Every structure is written in structure tokens, then in C-alpha cells.
Amino acid sequence: MKLQESDLNPIIFGHAPEPLLVVLSGPSGVGKDSALMRMRELGFP
């Protein structure tokens, strides 16, 4: 299966990504805050 350019991450091409809703859900103590902090460190979303 060949990837189309539209399948690739728009950030790589310098385009603004489309809005994205991310829901972090789970019981207490599973690392939701840690996941959110890591996503922020990586600049995502």
C-alpha cells in the first residue's frame, strides 16, 4: 500500500494541522497527567 501525501503528517510540510480533540480517560493513577505533560513537551497537539 503506497502512502499518499495527504496521509502524511502536515507538520512535516510546514502546514498547520487541522483541529484535533484529544480525550485522555482512565481511572486515577494511570498516568493521564503524565501523558498530557509529555504531549505538551512534544508540542502535540
Protein backbone atom coordinates (compact mmCIF):
# COMPACT_ATOMS: atom_id res chain seq x y z
CA MET A 1 0.00 0.00 0.00
CA LYS A 2 1.50 3.30 -1.09
CA LEU A 3 1.03 6.35 1.13
CA GLN A 4 -0.48 9.45 -0.36
CA GLU A 5 0.93 12.86 0.53
CA SER A 6 -2.41 13.59 2.22
CA ASP A 7 -1.78 10.66 4.60
CA LEU A 8 1.42 12.20 5.93
CA ASN A 9 1.76 14.49 8.93
CA PRO A 10 1.02 18.09 7.80
CA ILE A 11 3.53 19.49 10.32
CA ILE A 12 6.38 17.90 8.33
CA PHE A 13 5.39 20.02 5.32
CA GLY A 14 5.05 23.22 7.39
CA HIS A 15 1.26 23.28 7.22
CA ALA A 16 -0.94 23.96 10.22
CA PRO A 17 -2.67 20.77 11.34
CA GLU A 18 -6.45 20.57 11.42
CA PRO A 19 -8.06 20.93 14.86
CA LEU A 20 -7.91 17.73 16.88
CA LEU A 21 -9.84 16.76 20.00
CA VAL A 22 -7.86 14.51 22.32
CA VAL A 23 -9.62 12.82 25.25
CA LEU A 24 -7.48 11.29 27.99
CA SER A 25 -9.66 9.00 30.04
CA GLY A 26 -8.94 6.42 32.69
CA PRO A 27 -9.09 5.73 36.40
CA SER A 28 -7.00 7.70 38.84
CA GLY A 29 -3.32 6.84 38.99
CA VAL A 30 -2.86 5.54 35.45
CA GLY A 31 -0.80 8.49 34.16
CA LYS A 32 -3.23 10.84 32.41
CA ASP A 33 -1.37 13.90 33.69
CA SER A 34 1.98 12.37 32.72
CA ALA A 35 0.71 11.67 29.22
CA LEU A 36 -0.63 15.22 28.91
CA MET A 37 2.66 16.74 30.11
CA ARG A 38 4.65 14.61 27.63
CA MET A 39 2.34 15.62 24.79
CA ARG A 40 2.91 19.28 25.70
CA GLU A 41 6.69 18.74 25.78
CA LEU A 42 6.49 17.31 22.27
CA GLY A 43 4.29 20.18 21.09
CA PHE A 44 1.31 17.95 20.44
CA PRO A 45 -1.49 18.84 19.99
